[in-house]
N, C-alpha and C. Protein backbone atom coordinates (compact mmCIF):
# COMPACT_ATOMS: atom_id res chain seq x y z
N MET A 1 0.84 -1.18 0.00
CA MET A 1 0.00 0.00 0.00
C MET A 1 0.88 1.24 0.00
N GLY A 2 0.39 2.26 -0.66
CA GLY A 2 1.09 3.53 -0.63
C GLY A 2 0.73 4.31 0.62
N SER A 3 1.46 5.38 0.84
CA SER A 3 1.22 6.15 2.07
C SER A 3 -0.19 6.73 2.12
N THR A 4 -0.69 7.19 0.97
CA THR A 4 -2.03 7.78 0.94
C THR A 4 -3.09 6.73 1.23
N SER A 5 -2.95 5.54 0.64
CA SER A 5 -3.95 4.50 0.88
C SER A 5 -3.87 3.98 2.31
N ASP A 6 -2.66 3.92 2.88
CA ASP A 6 -2.53 3.53 4.29
C ASP A 6 -3.24 4.53 5.19
N LYS A 7 -3.03 5.82 4.91
CA LYS A 7 -3.67 6.85 5.72
C LYS A 7 -5.19 6.78 5.59
N ALA A 8 -5.69 6.62 4.35
CA ALA A 8 -7.13 6.56 4.13
C ALA A 8 -7.74 5.33 4.81
N SER A 9 -7.10 4.18 4.64
CA SER A 9 -7.60 2.96 5.29
C SER A 9 -7.56 3.11 6.80
N GLY A 10 -6.51 3.72 7.28
CA GLY A 10 -6.38 3.93 8.73
C GLY A 10 -7.49 4.79 9.28
N LEU A 11 -7.77 5.90 8.59
CA LEU A 11 -8.84 6.79 9.05
C LEU A 11 -10.20 6.10 8.98
N ALA A 12 -10.42 5.31 7.91
CA ALA A 12 -11.68 4.58 7.78
C ALA A 12 -11.84 3.56 8.89
N ASN A 13 -10.78 2.80 9.16
CA ASN A 13 -10.84 1.80 10.24
C ASN A 13 -11.05 2.45 11.60
N GLN A 14 -10.44 3.61 11.81
CA GLN A 14 -10.65 4.31 13.07
C GLN A 14 -12.12 4.71 13.22
N ALA A 15 -12.69 5.24 12.15
CA ALA A 15 -14.08 5.70 12.22
C ALA A 15 -15.04 4.53 12.43
N VAL A 16 -14.86 3.46 11.67
CA VAL A 16 -15.74 2.30 11.81
C VAL A 16 -15.55 1.67 13.19
N GLY A 17 -14.31 1.59 13.63
CA GLY A 17 -14.04 1.02 14.95
C GLY A 17 -14.69 1.81 16.06
N LYS A 18 -14.60 3.14 15.96
CA LYS A 18 -15.21 4.00 16.97
C LYS A 18 -16.73 3.81 16.99
N ALA A 19 -17.32 3.68 15.79
CA ALA A 19 -18.77 3.46 15.71
C ALA A 19 -19.17 2.12 16.32
N LYS A 20 -18.41 1.08 16.00
CA LYS A 20 -18.69 -0.25 16.58
C LYS A 20 -18.56 -0.22 18.10
N GLU A 21 -17.50 0.43 18.56
CA GLU A 21 -17.28 0.51 20.00
C GLU A 21 -18.45 1.22 20.68
N GLY A 22 -18.88 2.33 20.10
CA GLY A 22 -20.00 3.08 20.66
C GLY A 22 -21.29 2.29 20.64
N ALA A 23 -21.53 1.59 19.54
CA ALA A 23 -22.74 0.77 19.44
C ALA A 23 -22.69 -0.37 20.46
N GLY A 24 -21.53 -0.98 20.60
CA GLY A 24 -21.38 -2.06 21.57
C GLY A 24 -21.64 -1.59 22.99
N LYS A 25 -21.12 -0.40 23.31
CA LYS A 25 -21.37 0.15 24.65
C LYS A 25 -22.85 0.46 24.84
N ALA A 26 -23.48 1.01 23.80
CA ALA A 26 -24.88 1.43 23.90
C ALA A 26 -25.82 0.25 24.14
N VAL A 27 -25.53 -0.88 23.50
CA VAL A 27 -26.43 -2.02 23.63
C VAL A 27 -25.92 -3.07 24.61
N GLY A 28 -24.77 -2.80 25.23
CA GLY A 28 -24.23 -3.75 26.20
C GLY A 28 -23.62 -4.99 25.57
N ASN A 29 -23.12 -4.85 24.33
CA ASN A 29 -22.51 -5.97 23.63
C ASN A 29 -20.99 -5.84 23.74
N ASP A 30 -20.41 -6.60 24.66
CA ASP A 30 -18.97 -6.51 24.90
C ASP A 30 -18.15 -6.97 23.70
N ARG A 31 -18.66 -7.94 22.96
CA ARG A 31 -17.93 -8.43 21.79
C ARG A 31 -17.83 -7.34 20.72
N LEU A 32 -18.94 -6.67 20.45
CA LEU A 32 -18.95 -5.60 19.45
C LEU A 32 -18.06 -4.44 19.91
N ARG A 33 -18.11 -4.12 21.19
CA ARG A 33 -17.26 -3.06 21.74
C ARG A 33 -15.79 -3.41 21.56
N ALA A 34 -15.43 -4.65 21.86
CA ALA A 34 -14.04 -5.10 21.73
C ALA A 34 -13.59 -5.10 20.27
N GLU A 35 -14.47 -5.54 19.37
CA GLU A 35 -14.15 -5.50 17.94
C GLU A 35 -13.90 -4.07 17.49
N GLY A 36 -14.72 -3.17 17.98
CA GLY A 36 -14.55 -1.76 17.65
C GLY A 36 -13.23 -1.21 18.14
N GLU A 37 -12.88 -1.54 19.37
CA GLU A 37 -11.60 -1.08 19.93
C GLU A 37 -10.43 -1.61 19.10
N ALA A 38 -10.52 -2.88 18.72
CA ALA A 38 -9.45 -3.50 17.93
C ALA A 38 -9.35 -2.85 16.56
N GLN A 39 -10.49 -2.60 15.92
CA GLN A 39 -10.47 -2.00 14.59
C GLN A 39 -9.95 -0.56 14.66
N GLU A 40 -10.32 0.15 15.70
CA GLU A 40 -9.84 1.52 15.87
C GLU A 40 -8.31 1.52 16.06
N ALA A 41 -7.81 0.57 16.85
CA ALA A 41 -6.36 0.46 17.06
C ALA A 41 -5.65 0.13 15.76
N LYS A 42 -6.24 -0.78 14.98
CA LYS A 42 -5.66 -1.14 13.68
C LYS A 42 -5.59 0.10 12.79
N GLY A 43 -6.64 0.90 12.81
CA GLY A 43 -6.66 2.12 12.01
C GLY A 43 -5.58 3.10 12.42
N LYS A 44 -5.36 3.22 13.72
CA LYS A 44 -4.32 4.13 14.20
C LYS A 44 -2.94 3.67 13.71
N VAL A 45 -2.72 2.36 13.75
CA VAL A 45 -1.44 1.82 13.28
C VAL A 45 -1.28 2.06 11.78
N GLN A 46 -2.35 1.82 11.00
CA GLN A 46 -2.28 2.05 9.56
C GLN A 46 -1.94 3.50 9.25
N LYS A 47 -2.54 4.41 9.98
CA LYS A 47 -2.28 5.83 9.75
C LYS A 47 -0.83 6.18 10.08
N VAL A 48 -0.31 5.63 11.17
CA VAL A 48 1.09 5.87 11.54
C VAL A 48 2.02 5.33 10.45
N VAL A 49 1.70 4.16 9.92
CA VAL A 49 2.50 3.58 8.83
C VAL A 49 2.48 4.51 7.62
N GLY A 50 1.30 5.00 7.27
CA GLY A 50 1.18 5.93 6.15
C GLY A 50 1.97 7.21 6.37
N ASP A 51 1.90 7.74 7.58
CA ASP A 51 2.66 8.95 7.92
C ASP A 51 4.16 8.69 7.81
N ALA A 52 4.60 7.53 8.27
CA ALA A 52 6.02 7.18 8.21
C ALA A 52 6.48 7.04 6.76
N LYS A 53 5.67 6.39 5.94
CA LYS A 53 6.01 6.24 4.52
C LYS A 53 6.14 7.61 3.86
N SER A 54 5.22 8.50 4.18
CA SER A 54 5.28 9.86 3.62
C SER A 54 6.55 10.58 4.04
N ALA A 55 6.90 10.44 5.31
CA ALA A 55 8.11 11.10 5.82
C ALA A 55 9.36 10.57 5.13
N VAL A 56 9.43 9.26 4.94
CA VAL A 56 10.59 8.66 4.28
C VAL A 56 10.65 9.13 2.82
N LYS A 57 9.51 9.13 2.16
CA LYS A 57 9.46 9.56 0.76
C LYS A 57 9.89 11.03 0.64
N ASP A 58 9.39 11.88 1.52
CA ASP A 58 9.76 13.30 1.50
C ASP A 58 11.26 13.48 1.73
N ALA A 59 11.79 12.77 2.70
CA ALA A 59 13.23 12.88 3.00
C ALA A 59 14.06 12.39 1.82
N THR A 60 13.64 11.30 1.20
CA THR A 60 14.35 10.76 0.04
C THR A 60 14.34 11.76 -1.11
N ASN A 61 13.19 12.38 -1.33
CA ASN A 61 13.08 13.37 -2.40
C ASN A 61 13.96 14.59 -2.14
N LYS A 62 14.05 15.02 -0.88
CA LYS A 62 14.90 16.16 -0.54
C LYS A 62 16.37 15.84 -0.79
N VAL A 63 16.78 14.65 -0.39
CA VAL A 63 18.17 14.24 -0.59
C VAL A 63 18.47 14.15 -2.09
N ALA A 64 17.57 13.54 -2.84
CA ALA A 64 17.78 13.41 -4.29
C ALA A 64 17.85 14.78 -4.95
N SER A 65 17.02 15.70 -4.51
CA SER A 65 17.03 17.05 -5.06
C SER A 65 18.35 17.75 -4.79
N LYS A 66 18.88 17.60 -3.58
CA LYS A 66 20.16 18.22 -3.23
C LYS A 66 21.30 17.60 -4.04
N ILE A 67 21.24 16.30 -4.22
CA ILE A 67 22.28 15.62 -5.01
C ILE A 67 22.24 16.11 -6.45
N ASN A 68 21.04 16.21 -7.01
CA ASN A 68 20.90 16.66 -8.40
C ASN A 68 21.36 18.10 -8.57
N LYS A 69 21.18 18.95 -7.58
CA LYS A 69 21.63 20.34 -7.66
C LYS A 69 23.15 20.42 -7.68
N ASN A 70 23.79 19.48 -7.01
CA ASN A 70 25.25 19.49 -6.92
C ASN A 70 25.94 18.81 -8.10
N LEU A 71 25.18 18.19 -8.97
CA LEU A 71 25.79 17.50 -10.12
C LEU A 71 26.03 18.43 -11.26
């Protein structure tokens, strides 16, 4: 996955997870609440991965640009 798709998937999983968690709490369904918490956590990790990929790509591009200027 690219950084943008990781970020988008992460945000989507966070939103769905939060909704599941809230629904589980509202109806007293511990399994649904736990699934929501897990999905929200997965989304947070996906977003962090996407952010890290973006940072690495940006740093690589900056280094390449500086190298090309010096050639």
